[in-house]
């Protein structure tokens, strides 16, 4: 269900496995209770979220003060987030920026709009993967629901195994992984990478030779030459 990657006096960094909900349907945070039982915390605080499908880095505060400071860092866009994804089909462009307002579509889905009133903004690079697939490194600058899933669908490369945006794709999971996080806390910068190849529970496709070569090139994603984005 999860792995504890790093334990600080004020926060935990965990690797959430795919198909694990952060919230139970009734709003009870069962995952946090399970983590707390292992870490010895009677209460943990969510400061950001991951979709049920998405694996990888989740930052949990261990007290209310830390939760407030870390939540503010996310709200102020002082946190750099990086995701790995495997898309199906060749994209319309191999790297670039996807920006647009998001609007509810049908059932659980969202769609990208051409308007820019309060846009979801996502940068991405891509690399070769297995035939018919493409490896992506995504850097979202906003935190909208399903943002990366919708962005990749909009460039013609919906995520492999995504039950909502790519329902015809069969895989052992939906291939979106919260790969790296870089955030400030009390005057220090913390950087963390969760390599999906190190955990069997995160899916078999990360282990192919060509995908692995792409991941190797991105192990310090904050150091790459990301074009500047207007705030």
C-alpha atoms as a PDB file:
ATOM      1  CA  UNK A   1       0.000   0.000   0.000  1.00  0.00           C
ATOM      2  CA  UNK A   2       2.902   2.376   0.763  1.00  0.00           C
ATOM      3  CA  UNK A   3       6.578   2.668   1.676  1.00  0.00           C
ATOM      4  CA  UNK A   4       7.970   5.267   4.070  1.00  0.00           C
ATOM      5  CA  UNK A   5      10.850   6.893   2.178  1.00  0.00           C
ATOM      6  CA  UNK A   6      11.971   9.561   4.643  1.00  0.00           C
ATOM      7  CA  UNK A   7      11.098  10.503   8.190  1.00  0.00           C
ATOM      8  CA  UNK A   8      11.623  14.059   9.462  1.00  0.00           C
ATOM      9  CA  UNK A   9      10.543  15.299  12.870  1.00  0.00           C
ATOM     10  CA  UNK A  10       7.806  17.371  11.178  1.00  0.00           C
ATOM     11  CA  UNK A  11       6.895  15.407   8.040  1.00  0.00           C
ATOM     12  CA  UNK A  12       7.009  12.047   6.280  1.00  0.00           C
ATOM     13  CA  UNK A  13       7.644  11.309   2.625  1.00  0.00           C
ATOM     14  CA  UNK A  14       5.937   8.137   1.460  1.00  0.00           C
ATOM     15  CA  UNK A  15       5.652   6.199  -1.788  1.00  0.00           C
ATOM     16  CA  UNK A  16       1.960   5.545  -2.363  1.00  0.00           C
ATOM     17  CA  UNK A  17       1.321   2.426  -4.401  1.00  0.00           C
ATOM     18  CA  UNK A  18      -1.019   2.536  -7.421  1.00  0.00           C
ATOM     19  CA  UNK A  19      -4.748   1.965  -6.930  1.00  0.00           C
ATOM     20  CA  UNK A  20      -4.626   3.081  -3.292  1.00  0.00           C
ATOM     21  CA  UNK A  21      -7.022   5.871  -2.345  1.00  0.00           C
ATOM     22  CA  UNK A  22      -5.786   8.768  -0.250  1.00  0.00           C
ATOM     23  CA  UNK A  23      -9.362   9.121   1.019  1.00  0.00           C
ATOM     24  CA  UNK A  24     -12.011   6.546   1.630  1.00  0.00           C
ATOM     25  CA  UNK A  25     -15.272   7.364  -0.131  1.00  0.00           C
ATOM     26  CA  UNK A  26     -16.823   8.594   3.096  1.00  0.00           C
ATOM     27  CA  UNK A  27     -13.969  11.039   3.649  1.00  0.00           C
ATOM     28  CA  UNK A  28     -12.120   8.975   6.232  1.00  0.00           C
ATOM     29  CA  UNK A  29      -8.376   9.071   5.539  1.00  0.00           C
ATOM     30  CA  UNK A  30      -7.642   5.375   5.898  1.00  0.00           C
ATOM     31  CA  UNK A  31      -4.225   5.598   4.210  1.00  0.00           C
ATOM     32  CA  UNK A  32      -3.073   8.175   6.753  1.00  0.00           C
ATOM     33  CA  UNK A  33      -4.207   5.924   9.594  1.00  0.00           C
ATOM     34  CA  UNK A  34      -2.239   3.017   8.151  1.00  0.00           C
ATOM     35  CA  UNK A  35       0.875   5.157   7.721  1.00  0.00           C
ATOM     36  CA  UNK A  36       0.463   6.514  11.247  1.00  0.00           C
ATOM     37  CA  UNK A  37       0.311   3.012  12.683  1.00  0.00           C
ATOM     38  CA  UNK A  38       3.675   2.260  11.097  1.00  0.00           C
ATOM     39  CA  UNK A  39       5.288   5.629  11.875  1.00  0.00           C
ATOM     40  CA  UNK A  40       3.880   5.999  15.392  1.00  0.00           C
ATOM     41  CA  UNK A  41       1.888   9.142  14.590  1.00  0.00           C
ATOM     42  CA  UNK A  42      -1.579   9.456  16.102  1.00  0.00           C
ATOM     43  CA  UNK A  43      -2.446  12.100  13.482  1.00  0.00           C
ATOM     44  CA  UNK A  44      -1.015  12.943  10.081  1.00  0.00           C
ATOM     45  CA  UNK A  45      -2.004  15.803   7.782  1.00  0.00           C
ATOM     46  CA  UNK A  46      -2.413  15.774   4.005  1.00  0.00           C
ATOM     47  CA  UNK A  47      -0.789  18.796   2.364  1.00  0.00           C
ATOM     48  CA  UNK A  48      -1.403  17.657  -1.231  1.00  0.00           C
ATOM     49  CA  UNK A  49      -3.083  14.713  -2.963  1.00  0.00           C
ATOM     50  CA  UNK A  50      -2.550  12.012  -5.547  1.00  0.00           C
ATOM     51  CA  UNK A  51      -5.208  10.311  -7.636  1.00  0.00           C
ATOM     52  CA  UNK A  52      -6.013   6.714  -6.736  1.00  0.00           C
ATOM     53  CA  UNK A  53      -4.353   5.585  -9.993  1.00  0.00           C
ATOM     54  CA  UNK A  54      -1.174   7.582  -9.356  1.00  0.00           C
ATOM     55  CA  UNK A  55       1.743   6.144  -7.422  1.00  0.00           C
ATOM     56  CA  UNK A  56       4.720   7.873  -5.892  1.00  0.00           C
ATOM     57  CA  UNK A  57       5.720  10.666  -3.570  1.00  0.00           C
ATOM     58  CA  UNK A  58       3.176  11.925  -1.057  1.00  0.00           C
ATOM     59  CA  UNK A  59       4.220  14.430   1.605  1.00  0.00           C
ATOM     60  CA  UNK A  60       2.490  14.123   4.987  1.00  0.00           C
ATOM     61  CA  UNK A  61       2.847  16.610   7.843  1.00  0.00           C
ATOM     62  CA  UNK A  62       3.246  15.264  11.378  1.00  0.00           C
ATOM     63  CA  UNK A  63       1.807  18.303  13.201  1.00  0.00           C
ATOM     64  CA  UNK A  64      -0.513  21.224  12.513  1.00  0.00           C
ATOM     65  CA  UNK A  65       2.282  23.801  12.318  1.00  0.00           C
ATOM     66  CA  UNK A  66       4.173  21.831   9.677  1.00  0.00           C
ATOM     67  CA  UNK A  67       0.931  21.236   7.792  1.00  0.00           C
ATOM     68  CA  UNK A  68       0.305  24.973   7.665  1.00  0.00           C
ATOM     69  CA  UNK A  69       3.799  25.834   6.412  1.00  0.00           C
ATOM     70  CA  UNK A  70       3.910  23.042   3.826  1.00  0.00           C
ATOM     71  CA  UNK A  71       0.375  23.742   2.594  1.00  0.00           C
ATOM     72  CA  UNK A  72       1.341  27.393   2.107  1.00  0.00           C
ATOM     73  CA  UNK A  73       4.377  26.333   0.057  1.00  0.00           C
ATOM     74  CA  UNK A  74       2.098  24.357  -2.264  1.00  0.00           C
ATOM     75  CA  UNK A  75      -0.406  27.218  -2.458  1.00  0.00           C
ATOM     76  CA  UNK A  76       2.385  29.702  -3.241  1.00  0.00           C
ATOM     77  CA  UNK A  77       3.705  27.376  -5.983  1.00  0.00           C
ATOM     78  CA  UNK A  78       7.054  27.141  -4.207  1.00  0.00           C
ATOM     79  CA  UNK A  79       7.047  23.357  -4.606  1.00  0.00           C
ATOM     80  CA  UNK A  80       8.469  21.738  -7.752  1.00  0.00           C
ATOM     81  CA  UNK A  81       6.646  18.515  -8.691  1.00  0.00           C
ATOM     82  CA  UNK A  82       7.720  16.050 -11.366  1.00  0.00           C
ATOM     83  CA  UNK A  83       5.812  13.048 -12.689  1.00  0.00           C
ATOM     84  CA  UNK A  84       6.677  10.137 -14.944  1.00  0.00           C
ATOM     85  CA  UNK A  85       4.030   8.816 -17.304  1.00  0.00           C
ATOM     86  CA  UNK A  86       3.736   6.342 -20.133  1.00  0.00           C
ATOM     87  CA  UNK A  87       1.475   7.502 -22.926  1.00  0.00           C
ATOM     88  CA  UNK A  88      -0.064   5.494 -25.713  1.00  0.00           C
ATOM     89  CA  UNK A  89       0.501   6.691 -29.282  1.00  0.00           C
ATOM     90  CA  UNK A  90       2.897   9.265 -30.640  1.00  0.00           C
ATOM     91  CA  UNK A  91       2.179  12.772 -29.261  1.00  0.00           C
ATOM     92  CA  UNK A  92       1.441  15.809 -31.400  1.00  0.00           C
ATOM     93  CA  UNK A  93       4.642  17.334 -29.992  1.00  0.00           C
ATOM     94  CA  UNK A  94       7.569  15.701 -28.187  1.00  0.00           C
ATOM     95  CA  UNK A  95       7.971  18.445 -25.589  1.00  0.00           C
ATOM     96  CA  UNK A  96       6.316  21.685 -24.664  1.00  0.00           C
ATOM     97  CA  UNK A  97       3.602  23.306 -22.606  1.00  0.00           C
ATOM     98  CA  UNK A  98      -0.069  22.441 -22.192  1.00  0.00           C
ATOM     99  CA  UNK A  99      -2.191  25.244 -20.775  1.00  0.00           C
ATOM    100  CA  UNK A 100      -5.937  25.734 -20.552  1.00  0.00           C
ATOM    101  CA  UNK A 101      -8.905  25.863 -18.243  1.00  0.00           C
ATOM    102  CA  UNK A 102     -10.308  22.523 -17.145  1.00  0.00           C
ATOM    103  CA  UNK A 103     -14.001  21.769 -17.203  1.00  0.00           C
ATOM    104  CA  UNK A 104     -15.979  18.751 -16.035  1.00  0.00           C
ATOM    105  CA  UNK A 105     -16.840  16.464 -18.896  1.00  0.00           C
ATOM    106  CA  UNK A 106     -18.737  13.208 -18.359  1.00  0.00           C
ATOM    107  CA  UNK A 107     -18.870  11.174 -15.171  1.00  0.00           C
ATOM    108  CA  UNK A 108     -15.430  11.374 -13.526  1.00  0.00           C
ATOM    109  CA  UNK A 109     -13.671  12.952 -16.496  1.00  0.00           C
ATOM    110  CA  UNK A 110     -12.373  16.460 -17.129  1.00  0.00           C
ATOM    111  CA  UNK A 111     -11.543  18.164 -20.415  1.00  0.00           C
ATOM    112  CA  UNK A 112      -9.105  20.877 -21.429  1.00  0.00           C
ATOM    113  CA  UNK A 113     -10.566  24.125 -22.745  1.00  0.00           C
ATOM    114  CA  UNK A 114      -8.903  26.750 -24.969  1.00  0.00           C
ATOM    115  CA  UNK A 115      -9.695  29.524 -22.461  1.00  0.00           C
ATOM    116  CA  UNK A 116      -7.081  30.803 -19.989  1.00  0.00           C
ATOM    117  CA  UNK A 117      -9.078  32.226 -17.054  1.00  0.00           C
ATOM    118  CA  UNK A 118      -7.583  29.901 -14.394  1.00  0.00           C
ATOM    119  CA  UNK A 119      -5.574  27.457 -16.466  1.00  0.00           C
ATOM    120  CA  UNK A 120      -3.960  24.146 -15.645  1.00  0.00           C
ATOM    121  CA  UNK A 121      -0.328  24.530 -16.733  1.00  0.00           C
ATOM    122  CA  UNK A 122       1.884  21.522 -17.440  1.00  0.00           C
ATOM    123  CA  UNK A 123       5.335  21.337 -19.039  1.00  0.00           C
ATOM    124  CA  UNK A 124       6.658  18.072 -20.409  1.00  0.00           C
ATOM    125  CA  UNK A 125       9.597  16.348 -22.039  1.00  0.00           C
ATOM    126  CA  UNK A 126       9.286  12.951 -23.691  1.00  0.00           C
ATOM    127  CA  UNK A 127      11.523  10.076 -24.718  1.00  0.00           C
ATOM    128  CA  UNK A 128      11.296   6.796 -26.562  1.00  0.00           C
ATOM    129  CA  UNK A 129       9.479   3.851 -24.995  1.00  0.00           C
ATOM    130  CA  UNK A 130       8.223   0.500 -26.217  1.00  0.00           C
ATOM    131  CA  UNK A 131       6.586   0.458 -29.691  1.00  0.00           C
ATOM    132  CA  UNK A 132       3.345   2.427 -29.676  1.00  0.00           C
ATOM    133  CA  UNK A 133       4.150   4.141 -26.361  1.00  0.00           C
ATOM    134  CA  UNK A 134       6.014   7.254 -25.181  1.00  0.00           C
ATOM    135  CA  UNK A 135       7.749   8.093 -21.875  1.00  0.00           C
ATOM    136  CA  UNK A 136       6.998  11.502 -20.341  1.00  0.00           C
ATOM    137  CA  UNK A 137       8.487  13.673 -17.636  1.00  0.00           C
ATOM    138  CA  UNK A 138       5.818  16.183 -16.615  1.00  0.00           C
ATOM    139  CA  UNK A 139       6.194  19.298 -14.484  1.00  0.00           C
ATOM    140  CA  UNK A 140       2.810  20.682 -13.431  1.00  0.00           C
ATOM    141  CA  UNK A 141       2.798  24.317 -12.326  1.00  0.00           C
ATOM    142  CA  UNK A 142      -0.742  24.084 -10.977  1.00  0.00           C
ATOM    143  CA  UNK A 143      -2.537  21.409  -8.997  1.00  0.00           C
ATOM    144  CA  UNK A 144      -5.784  20.678 -10.821  1.00  0.00           C
ATOM    145  CA  UNK A 145      -7.659  17.378 -10.600  1.00  0.00           C
ATOM    146  CA  UNK A 146      -6.512  14.951 -13.336  1.00  0.00           C
ATOM    147  CA  UNK A 147      -4.272  17.689 -14.744  1.00  0.00           C
ATOM    148  CA  UNK A 148      -1.505  15.524 -16.235  1.00  0.00           C
ATOM    149  CA  UNK A 149      -3.922  12.844 -17.411  1.00  0.00           C
ATOM    150  CA  UNK A 150      -5.932  15.440 -19.334  1.00  0.00           C
ATOM    151  CA  UNK A 151      -2.812  17.238 -20.618  1.00  0.00           C
ATOM    152  CA  UNK A 152      -1.354  14.083 -22.167  1.00  0.00           C
ATOM    153  CA  UNK A 153      -4.674  13.120 -23.694  1.00  0.00           C
ATOM    154  CA  UNK A 154      -4.835  16.600 -25.235  1.00  0.00           C
ATOM    155  CA  UNK A 155      -1.527  16.006 -27.083  1.00  0.00           C
ATOM    156  CA  UNK A 156      -2.855  12.693 -28.403  1.00  0.00           C
ATOM    157  CA  UNK A 157      -1.087  10.354 -25.991  1.00  0.00           C
ATOM    158  CA  UNK A 158      -3.463   9.295 -23.194  1.00  0.00           C
ATOM    159  CA  UNK A 159      -1.791   7.438 -20.330  1.00  0.00           C
ATOM    160  CA  UNK A 160      -1.381   3.676 -20.697  1.00  0.00           C
ATOM    161  CA  UNK A 161      -3.857   1.855 -18.462  1.00  0.00           C
ATOM    162  CA  UNK A 162      -5.830   4.982 -17.520  1.00  0.00           C
ATOM    163  CA  UNK A 163      -9.390   3.700 -16.981  1.00  0.00           C
ATOM    164  CA  UNK A 164     -11.007   7.123 -17.520  1.00  0.00           C
ATOM    165  CA  UNK A 165      -9.038   8.756 -20.334  1.00  0.00           C
ATOM    166  CA  UNK A 166      -7.797   5.640 -22.132  1.00  0.00           C
ATOM    167  CA  UNK A 167     -10.422   2.953 -21.409  1.00  0.00           C
ATOM    168  CA  UNK A 168      -9.343   0.747 -24.317  1.00  0.00           C
ATOM    169  CA  UNK A 169      -5.826   0.385 -22.910  1.00  0.00           C
ATOM    170  CA  UNK A 170      -5.081  -2.695 -20.837  1.00  0.00           C
ATOM    171  CA  UNK A 171      -2.095  -2.711 -18.494  1.00  0.00           C
ATOM    172  CA  UNK A 172      -1.187  -3.803 -14.988  1.00  0.00           C
ATOM    173  CA  UNK A 173      -1.826  -0.218 -13.792  1.00  0.00           C
ATOM    174  CA  UNK A 174      -2.388   3.346 -14.952  1.00  0.00           C
ATOM    175  CA  UNK A 175       1.124   4.577 -15.662  1.00  0.00           C
ATOM    176  CA  UNK A 176       1.399   7.903 -13.812  1.00  0.00           C
ATOM    177  CA  UNK A 177       3.976   8.207 -11.032  1.00  0.00           C
ATOM    178  CA  UNK A 178       4.849  11.127  -8.731  1.00  0.00           C
ATOM    179  CA  UNK A 179       8.583  10.891  -9.393  1.00  0.00           C
ATOM    180  CA  UNK A 180      10.225  13.802  -7.591  1.00  0.00           C
ATOM    181  CA  UNK A 181       9.481  16.629  -5.181  1.00  0.00           C
ATOM    182  CA  UNK A 182      11.528  19.687  -4.256  1.00  0.00           C
ATOM    183  CA  UNK A 183      10.149  21.913  -1.515  1.00  0.00           C
ATOM    184  CA  UNK A 184      11.204  24.503   1.077  1.00  0.00           C
ATOM    185  CA  UNK A 185      10.756  23.951   4.784  1.00  0.00           C
ATOM    186  CA  UNK A 186      12.068  26.208   7.570  1.00  0.00           C
ATOM    187  CA  UNK A 187      14.764  27.743   5.392  1.00  0.00           C
ATOM    188  CA  UNK A 188      16.012  24.495   3.870  1.00  0.00           C
ATOM    189  CA  UNK A 189      15.317  22.937   0.476  1.00  0.00           C
ATOM    190  CA  UNK A 190      14.420  19.249   0.450  1.00  0.00           C
ATOM    191  CA  UNK A 191      14.665  17.221  -2.757  1.00  0.00           C
ATOM    192  CA  UNK A 192      13.451  13.659  -3.127  1.00  0.00           C
ATOM    193  CA  UNK A 193      13.202  11.175  -5.991  1.00  0.00           C
ATOM    194  CA  UNK A 194      11.157   7.974  -5.934  1.00  0.00           C
ATOM    195  CA  UNK A 195      12.446   5.762  -8.749  1.00  0.00           C
ATOM    196  CA  UNK A 196       9.610   3.420  -9.787  1.00  0.00           C
ATOM    197  CA  UNK A 197      12.108   0.778 -10.912  1.00  0.00           C
ATOM    198  CA  UNK A 198      13.060   0.174  -7.285  1.00  0.00           C
ATOM    199  CA  UNK A 199       9.608  -1.100  -6.287  1.00  0.00           C
ATOM    200  CA  UNK A 200       7.932  -4.160  -7.805  1.00  0.00           C
ATOM    201  CA  UNK A 201       4.478  -2.887  -6.828  1.00  0.00           C
ATOM    202  CA  UNK A 202       4.755   0.114  -9.173  1.00  0.00           C
ATOM    203  CA  UNK A 203       4.377  -1.709 -12.494  1.00  0.00           C
ATOM    204  CA  UNK A 204       6.370  -3.802 -14.928  1.00  0.00           C
ATOM    205  CA  UNK A 205       6.618  -1.319 -17.805  1.00  0.00           C
ATOM    206  CA  UNK A 206       9.109   0.949 -16.000  1.00  0.00           C
ATOM    207  CA  UNK A 207      11.646  -1.888 -16.204  1.00  0.00           C
ATOM    208  CA  UNK A 208      11.939  -2.147 -19.997  1.00  0.00           C
ATOM    209  CA  UNK A 209      15.415  -1.265 -21.248  1.00  0.00           C
ATOM    210  CA  UNK A 210      14.356   1.705 -23.380  1.00  0.00           C
ATOM    211  CA  UNK A 211      12.110   3.187 -20.667  1.00  0.00           C
ATOM    212  CA  UNK A 212      14.850   2.701 -18.082  1.00  0.00           C
ATOM    213  CA  UNK A 213      17.294   4.652 -20.267  1.00  0.00           C
ATOM    214  CA  UNK A 214      14.860   7.561 -20.350  1.00  0.00           C
ATOM    215  CA  UNK A 215      14.393   7.535 -16.577  1.00  0.00           C
ATOM    216  CA  UNK A 216      18.182   7.472 -16.084  1.00  0.00           C
ATOM    217  CA  UNK A 217      18.439  10.764 -17.994  1.00  0.00           C
ATOM    218  CA  UNK A 218      15.922  12.429 -15.678  1.00  0.00           C
ATOM    219  CA  UNK A 219      17.078  11.438 -12.186  1.00  0.00           C
ATOM    220  CA  UNK A 220      17.612  15.110 -11.204  1.00  0.00           C
ATOM    221  CA  UNK A 221      14.562  16.606 -12.930  1.00  0.00           C
ATOM    222  CA  UNK A 222      14.888  20.025 -11.259  1.00  0.00           C
ATOM    223  CA  UNK A 223      18.317  20.404 -12.934  1.00  0.00           C
ATOM    224  CA  UNK A 224      17.010  20.032 -16.484  1.00  0.00           C
ATOM    225  CA  UNK A 225      16.650  22.986 -18.833  1.00  0.00           C
ATOM    226  CA  UNK A 226      12.953  23.712 -18.328  1.00  0.00           C
ATOM    227  CA  UNK A 227      11.847  26.775 -20.330  1.00  0.00           C
ATOM    228  CA  UNK A 228      10.616  29.592 -18.122  1.00  0.00           C
ATOM    229  CA  UNK A 229       6.859  29.851 -17.693  1.00  0.00           C
ATOM    230  CA  UNK A 230       5.007  33.108 -17.124  1.00  0.00           C
ATOM    231  CA  UNK A 231       3.401  33.113 -13.680  1.00  0.00           C
END
